[in-house]
N, C-alpha and C. Protein backbone atom coordinates (compact mmCIF):
# COMPACT_ATOMS: atom_id res chain seq x y z
N MET A 1 -4.84 14.58 14.82
CA MET A 1 -5.56 13.32 14.89
C MET A 1 -5.58 12.68 13.51
N SER A 2 -5.39 11.38 13.46
CA SER A 2 -5.42 10.68 12.17
C SER A 2 -6.76 9.96 12.01
N LYS A 3 -7.16 9.81 10.76
CA LYS A 3 -8.39 9.09 10.43
C LYS A 3 -8.01 7.75 9.84
N LYS A 4 -8.70 6.71 10.24
CA LYS A 4 -8.49 5.39 9.66
C LYS A 4 -9.65 5.10 8.72
N SER A 5 -9.33 4.40 7.64
CA SER A 5 -10.33 4.15 6.62
C SER A 5 -10.07 2.80 5.96
N ILE A 6 -11.11 2.20 5.47
CA ILE A 6 -10.98 1.00 4.64
C ILE A 6 -11.43 1.40 3.24
N ARG A 7 -10.55 1.20 2.28
CA ARG A 7 -10.86 1.47 0.88
C ARG A 7 -10.95 0.12 0.17
N PHE A 8 -11.46 0.14 -1.02
CA PHE A 8 -11.55 -1.11 -1.78
C PHE A 8 -10.85 -0.95 -3.12
N PHE A 9 -10.09 -1.98 -3.48
CA PHE A 9 -9.39 -2.05 -4.76
C PHE A 9 -9.58 -3.47 -5.25
N ASN A 10 -10.13 -3.64 -6.43
CA ASN A 10 -10.42 -4.99 -6.96
C ASN A 10 -11.24 -5.81 -5.96
N ASP A 11 -12.20 -5.18 -5.32
CA ASP A 11 -13.07 -5.82 -4.33
C ASP A 11 -12.32 -6.36 -3.11
N ARG A 12 -11.15 -5.83 -2.85
CA ARG A 12 -10.37 -6.21 -1.67
C ARG A 12 -10.23 -5.01 -0.74
N GLU A 13 -10.20 -5.29 0.56
CA GLU A 13 -10.01 -4.22 1.53
C GLU A 13 -8.57 -3.73 1.51
N VAL A 14 -8.41 -2.41 1.56
CA VAL A 14 -7.09 -1.78 1.65
C VAL A 14 -7.15 -0.78 2.80
N ARG A 15 -6.32 -1.01 3.80
CA ARG A 15 -6.31 -0.11 4.96
C ARG A 15 -5.61 1.19 4.60
N ALA A 16 -6.16 2.29 5.13
CA ALA A 16 -5.60 3.62 4.88
C ALA A 16 -5.67 4.45 6.16
N VAL A 17 -4.72 5.38 6.28
CA VAL A 17 -4.66 6.29 7.42
C VAL A 17 -4.39 7.69 6.90
N TRP A 18 -5.15 8.68 7.36
CA TRP A 18 -4.93 10.08 7.00
C TRP A 18 -3.98 10.69 8.01
N ASP A 19 -2.88 11.27 7.53
CA ASP A 19 -1.89 11.94 8.37
C ASP A 19 -2.16 13.44 8.33
N GLU A 20 -2.74 13.95 9.41
CA GLU A 20 -3.09 15.38 9.48
C GLU A 20 -1.86 16.27 9.33
N GLU A 21 -0.78 15.88 9.98
CA GLU A 21 0.43 16.71 10.00
C GLU A 21 0.99 16.96 8.60
N HIS A 22 0.98 15.92 7.77
CA HIS A 22 1.55 16.03 6.43
C HIS A 22 0.48 16.13 5.34
N SER A 23 -0.79 16.07 5.72
CA SER A 23 -1.91 16.13 4.77
C SER A 23 -1.78 15.09 3.66
N LYS A 24 -1.57 13.83 4.07
CA LYS A 24 -1.41 12.74 3.11
C LYS A 24 -2.17 11.51 3.58
N TRP A 25 -2.67 10.75 2.62
CA TRP A 25 -3.19 9.42 2.91
C TRP A 25 -2.03 8.45 2.84
N TRP A 26 -1.98 7.50 3.75
CA TRP A 26 -1.01 6.41 3.75
C TRP A 26 -1.80 5.11 3.59
N PHE A 27 -1.33 4.24 2.70
CA PHE A 27 -2.03 3.00 2.41
C PHE A 27 -1.17 1.81 2.79
N SER A 28 -1.82 0.73 3.17
CA SER A 28 -1.11 -0.51 3.48
C SER A 28 -0.58 -1.11 2.18
N ALA A 29 0.73 -1.14 2.07
CA ALA A 29 1.35 -1.66 0.84
C ALA A 29 1.04 -3.14 0.66
N THR A 30 1.05 -3.89 1.75
CA THR A 30 0.75 -5.32 1.64
C THR A 30 -0.67 -5.53 1.13
N ASP A 31 -1.61 -4.72 1.60
CA ASP A 31 -3.00 -4.83 1.12
C ASP A 31 -3.09 -4.52 -0.37
N ILE A 32 -2.34 -3.52 -0.83
CA ILE A 32 -2.33 -3.15 -2.25
C ILE A 32 -1.76 -4.30 -3.08
N VAL A 33 -0.63 -4.85 -2.64
CA VAL A 33 0.00 -5.95 -3.38
C VAL A 33 -0.94 -7.15 -3.42
N ARG A 34 -1.60 -7.45 -2.30
CA ARG A 34 -2.55 -8.57 -2.28
C ARG A 34 -3.69 -8.34 -3.27
N ALA A 35 -4.20 -7.12 -3.33
CA ALA A 35 -5.32 -6.82 -4.23
C ALA A 35 -4.90 -6.93 -5.69
N ILE A 36 -3.74 -6.39 -6.02
CA ILE A 36 -3.27 -6.42 -7.41
C ILE A 36 -3.01 -7.85 -7.88
N ASN A 37 -2.38 -8.64 -7.02
CA ASN A 37 -2.01 -10.01 -7.39
C ASN A 37 -3.08 -11.04 -7.07
N ASP A 38 -4.21 -10.58 -6.53
CA ASP A 38 -5.28 -11.48 -6.10
C ASP A 38 -4.71 -12.57 -5.20
N GLU A 39 -3.89 -12.15 -4.24
CA GLU A 39 -3.16 -13.05 -3.34
C GLU A 39 -3.88 -13.17 -2.00
N GLU A 40 -4.11 -14.38 -1.55
CA GLU A 40 -4.74 -14.61 -0.25
C GLU A 40 -3.72 -14.59 0.89
N ASP A 41 -2.50 -14.99 0.62
CA ASP A 41 -1.47 -15.18 1.64
C ASP A 41 -0.70 -13.90 1.91
N TYR A 42 -0.75 -13.41 3.16
CA TYR A 42 -0.03 -12.19 3.53
C TYR A 42 1.48 -12.36 3.38
N VAL A 43 2.00 -13.56 3.66
CA VAL A 43 3.44 -13.79 3.57
C VAL A 43 3.91 -13.66 2.12
N LYS A 44 3.18 -14.25 1.20
CA LYS A 44 3.54 -14.12 -0.22
C LYS A 44 3.41 -12.68 -0.69
N ALA A 45 2.39 -11.99 -0.22
CA ALA A 45 2.20 -10.59 -0.59
C ALA A 45 3.33 -9.73 -0.04
N GLY A 46 3.91 -10.14 1.08
CA GLY A 46 5.02 -9.39 1.66
C GLY A 46 6.22 -9.31 0.74
N GLY A 47 6.42 -10.35 -0.10
CA GLY A 47 7.51 -10.30 -1.07
C GLY A 47 7.30 -9.19 -2.08
N GLY A 48 6.07 -9.00 -2.51
CA GLY A 48 5.76 -7.90 -3.42
C GLY A 48 5.92 -6.55 -2.74
N TYR A 49 5.63 -6.50 -1.45
CA TYR A 49 5.81 -5.26 -0.68
C TYR A 49 7.28 -4.87 -0.66
N THR A 50 8.17 -5.84 -0.44
CA THR A 50 9.61 -5.54 -0.41
C THR A 50 10.06 -4.97 -1.74
N GLU A 51 9.55 -5.53 -2.83
CA GLU A 51 9.88 -5.02 -4.16
C GLU A 51 9.37 -3.59 -4.34
N LEU A 52 8.20 -3.32 -3.78
CA LEU A 52 7.58 -2.01 -3.94
C LEU A 52 8.33 -0.91 -3.20
N VAL A 53 8.69 -1.14 -1.94
CA VAL A 53 9.27 -0.06 -1.14
C VAL A 53 10.75 -0.24 -0.83
N GLY A 54 11.31 -1.39 -1.11
CA GLY A 54 12.72 -1.62 -0.84
C GLY A 54 12.93 -2.26 0.52
N LYS A 55 14.08 -2.87 0.67
CA LYS A 55 14.40 -3.54 1.93
C LYS A 55 14.70 -2.52 3.01
N GLY A 56 14.41 -2.89 4.23
CA GLY A 56 14.72 -2.04 5.36
C GLY A 56 13.66 -1.00 5.67
N GLU A 57 12.56 -1.00 4.96
CA GLU A 57 11.49 -0.05 5.23
C GLU A 57 10.82 -0.45 6.54
N PRO A 58 10.71 0.48 7.49
CA PRO A 58 10.26 0.10 8.83
C PRO A 58 8.76 -0.13 9.00
N LYS A 59 7.95 0.38 8.10
CA LYS A 59 6.50 0.29 8.30
C LYS A 59 5.82 -0.28 7.08
N ASN A 60 4.61 -0.72 7.27
CA ASN A 60 3.82 -1.25 6.18
C ASN A 60 2.90 -0.17 5.60
N LEU A 61 3.35 1.05 5.59
CA LEU A 61 2.56 2.15 5.03
C LEU A 61 3.43 2.96 4.09
N ILE A 62 2.88 3.33 2.96
CA ILE A 62 3.61 4.17 2.02
C ILE A 62 2.71 5.31 1.57
N PRO A 63 3.29 6.46 1.25
CA PRO A 63 2.47 7.58 0.80
C PRO A 63 1.94 7.33 -0.61
N TRP A 64 0.81 7.93 -0.89
CA TRP A 64 0.15 7.75 -2.17
C TRP A 64 1.06 8.12 -3.34
N ASP A 65 1.83 9.20 -3.23
CA ASP A 65 2.66 9.63 -4.36
C ASP A 65 3.71 8.58 -4.71
N LYS A 66 4.29 7.91 -3.72
CA LYS A 66 5.28 6.86 -4.00
C LYS A 66 4.60 5.65 -4.64
N LEU A 67 3.42 5.33 -4.19
CA LEU A 67 2.67 4.22 -4.77
C LEU A 67 2.30 4.52 -6.22
N ALA A 68 1.86 5.74 -6.49
CA ALA A 68 1.50 6.14 -7.85
C ALA A 68 2.71 6.09 -8.77
N ASP A 69 3.88 6.53 -8.29
CA ASP A 69 5.10 6.45 -9.09
C ASP A 69 5.42 5.00 -9.45
N PHE A 70 5.28 4.10 -8.48
CA PHE A 70 5.54 2.68 -8.73
C PHE A 70 4.64 2.15 -9.83
N PHE A 71 3.33 2.46 -9.75
CA PHE A 71 2.39 1.98 -10.76
C PHE A 71 2.71 2.56 -12.13
N ASN A 72 3.06 3.82 -12.18
CA ASN A 72 3.37 4.45 -13.46
C ASN A 72 4.57 3.80 -14.13
N LYS A 73 5.56 3.38 -13.35
CA LYS A 73 6.77 2.77 -13.90
C LYS A 73 6.56 1.31 -14.28
N ASN A 74 5.73 0.58 -13.52
CA ASN A 74 5.65 -0.86 -13.67
C ASN A 74 4.41 -1.40 -14.36
N LEU A 75 3.42 -0.58 -14.58
CA LEU A 75 2.18 -1.10 -15.16
C LEU A 75 1.91 -0.58 -16.56
N LYS A 76 2.94 -0.11 -17.24
CA LYS A 76 2.75 0.39 -18.61
C LYS A 76 3.01 -0.70 -19.60
């Protein structure tokens, strides 16, 4: 069974899901991009999502470790 959660980043809601099978939290990449860029528009935030996970990614969820790697490389 998975758990759904709302987290907050920069006072913005970020959707998260706990994957029991893999013991990982998955976060909505679009929500993260919107929070970081203080973006209201989901369509504009989607462009940042494509940059984050690459083209052809089937879902709007990424594992925490991949997200952390992205921040470590791009926010220094």
